[in-house]
């Protein structure tokens, strides 16, 4: 149960970061800024197992693909 709360909290932070960082000023720029999680987020993600969280990891993969596309 504690892990589920932790994951929901992490997902909430990721979602909020994407929304808050998608515009660099009052009017959105042409290219949104991709929020980087940093080392603390990476450390927390290392503790989430793949088994039982397949949907989460698939979503993380799509977010990473978006990051790669935004860099192009």
C-alpha atoms as a PDB file:
ATOM      1  CA  UNK A   1       0.000   0.000   0.000  1.00  0.00           C
ATOM      2  CA  UNK A   2       2.868   2.379   0.805  1.00  0.00           C
ATOM      3  CA  UNK A   3       4.405   1.754  -2.635  1.00  0.00           C
ATOM      4  CA  UNK A   4       1.137   2.650  -4.359  1.00  0.00           C
ATOM      5  CA  UNK A   5       0.992   5.972  -2.505  1.00  0.00           C
ATOM      6  CA  UNK A   6       4.601   6.649  -3.419  1.00  0.00           C
ATOM      7  CA  UNK A   7       3.923   5.874  -7.082  1.00  0.00           C
ATOM      8  CA  UNK A   8       0.779   8.031  -7.131  1.00  0.00           C
ATOM      9  CA  UNK A   9       2.783  10.870  -5.587  1.00  0.00           C
ATOM     10  CA  UNK A  10       5.563  10.473  -8.168  1.00  0.00           C
ATOM     11  CA  UNK A  11       3.032  10.401 -11.005  1.00  0.00           C
ATOM     12  CA  UNK A  12       1.361  13.513  -9.615  1.00  0.00           C
ATOM     13  CA  UNK A  13       4.706  15.329  -9.534  1.00  0.00           C
ATOM     14  CA  UNK A  14       5.561  14.232 -13.067  1.00  0.00           C
ATOM     15  CA  UNK A  15       2.149  15.326 -14.365  1.00  0.00           C
ATOM     16  CA  UNK A  16       2.332  18.663 -12.567  1.00  0.00           C
ATOM     17  CA  UNK A  17       5.851  19.244 -13.848  1.00  0.00           C
ATOM     18  CA  UNK A  18       4.810  18.572 -17.420  1.00  0.00           C
ATOM     19  CA  UNK A  19       1.877  20.971 -17.141  1.00  0.00           C
ATOM     20  CA  UNK A  20       3.805  23.706 -15.333  1.00  0.00           C
ATOM     21  CA  UNK A  21       6.878  23.510 -17.516  1.00  0.00           C
ATOM     22  CA  UNK A  22       5.107  23.268 -20.850  1.00  0.00           C
ATOM     23  CA  UNK A  23       4.923  27.073 -21.155  1.00  0.00           C
ATOM     24  CA  UNK A  24       7.895  29.339 -20.631  1.00  0.00           C
ATOM     25  CA  UNK A  25       5.892  32.565 -20.420  1.00  0.00           C
ATOM     26  CA  UNK A  26       2.288  33.776 -20.257  1.00  0.00           C
ATOM     27  CA  UNK A  27       1.940  32.808 -23.913  1.00  0.00           C
ATOM     28  CA  UNK A  28       3.279  29.352 -24.720  1.00  0.00           C
ATOM     29  CA  UNK A  29       6.328  29.229 -26.923  1.00  0.00           C
ATOM     30  CA  UNK A  30       6.394  27.104 -30.063  1.00  0.00           C
ATOM     31  CA  UNK A  31       8.390  24.368 -28.365  1.00  0.00           C
ATOM     32  CA  UNK A  32       7.445  23.271 -24.836  1.00  0.00           C
ATOM     33  CA  UNK A  33      10.213  22.836 -22.281  1.00  0.00           C
ATOM     34  CA  UNK A  34      10.624  19.220 -21.217  1.00  0.00           C
ATOM     35  CA  UNK A  35      10.894  18.928 -17.419  1.00  0.00           C
ATOM     36  CA  UNK A  36      13.865  16.836 -16.312  1.00  0.00           C
ATOM     37  CA  UNK A  37      13.275  14.707 -13.241  1.00  0.00           C
ATOM     38  CA  UNK A  38      16.866  14.764 -12.064  1.00  0.00           C
ATOM     39  CA  UNK A  39      18.865  12.366  -9.901  1.00  0.00           C
ATOM     40  CA  UNK A  40      16.378  12.162  -7.009  1.00  0.00           C
ATOM     41  CA  UNK A  41      13.550  11.082  -9.322  1.00  0.00           C
ATOM     42  CA  UNK A  42      15.862   8.608 -11.076  1.00  0.00           C
ATOM     43  CA  UNK A  43      16.778   7.098  -7.712  1.00  0.00           C
ATOM     44  CA  UNK A  44      13.098   6.679  -6.783  1.00  0.00           C
ATOM     45  CA  UNK A  45      12.272   5.131 -10.154  1.00  0.00           C
ATOM     46  CA  UNK A  46      14.971   2.511  -9.601  1.00  0.00           C
ATOM     47  CA  UNK A  47      12.933   1.206  -6.632  1.00  0.00           C
ATOM     48  CA  UNK A  48       9.782   0.545  -8.678  1.00  0.00           C
ATOM     49  CA  UNK A  49       9.721  -3.062  -9.929  1.00  0.00           C
ATOM     50  CA  UNK A  50       8.640  -3.857 -13.483  1.00  0.00           C
ATOM     51  CA  UNK A  51       6.366  -6.730 -12.489  1.00  0.00           C
ATOM     52  CA  UNK A  52       3.007  -5.411 -11.362  1.00  0.00           C
ATOM     53  CA  UNK A  53       3.697  -1.944 -12.796  1.00  0.00           C
ATOM     54  CA  UNK A  54       3.870  -2.757 -16.500  1.00  0.00           C
ATOM     55  CA  UNK A  55       1.423   0.031 -17.415  1.00  0.00           C
ATOM     56  CA  UNK A  56       3.485   2.589 -15.501  1.00  0.00           C
ATOM     57  CA  UNK A  57       6.710   1.570 -17.260  1.00  0.00           C
ATOM     58  CA  UNK A  58       4.970   1.611 -20.636  1.00  0.00           C
ATOM     59  CA  UNK A  59       3.805   5.170 -19.884  1.00  0.00           C
ATOM     60  CA  UNK A  60       7.337   6.179 -18.841  1.00  0.00           C
ATOM     61  CA  UNK A  61       8.522   4.813 -22.201  1.00  0.00           C
ATOM     62  CA  UNK A  62       6.017   7.050 -24.023  1.00  0.00           C
ATOM     63  CA  UNK A  63       7.139  10.068 -21.985  1.00  0.00           C
ATOM     64  CA  UNK A  64      10.748   9.287 -22.931  1.00  0.00           C
ATOM     65  CA  UNK A  65       9.752   9.056 -26.609  1.00  0.00           C
ATOM     66  CA  UNK A  66       8.108  12.490 -26.287  1.00  0.00           C
ATOM     67  CA  UNK A  67      11.348  13.834 -24.792  1.00  0.00           C
ATOM     68  CA  UNK A  68      13.307  12.470 -27.736  1.00  0.00           C
ATOM     69  CA  UNK A  69      10.865  13.984 -30.233  1.00  0.00           C
ATOM     70  CA  UNK A  70      11.014  17.379 -28.538  1.00  0.00           C
ATOM     71  CA  UNK A  71      14.820  17.347 -28.842  1.00  0.00           C
ATOM     72  CA  UNK A  72      14.639  16.945 -32.634  1.00  0.00           C
END
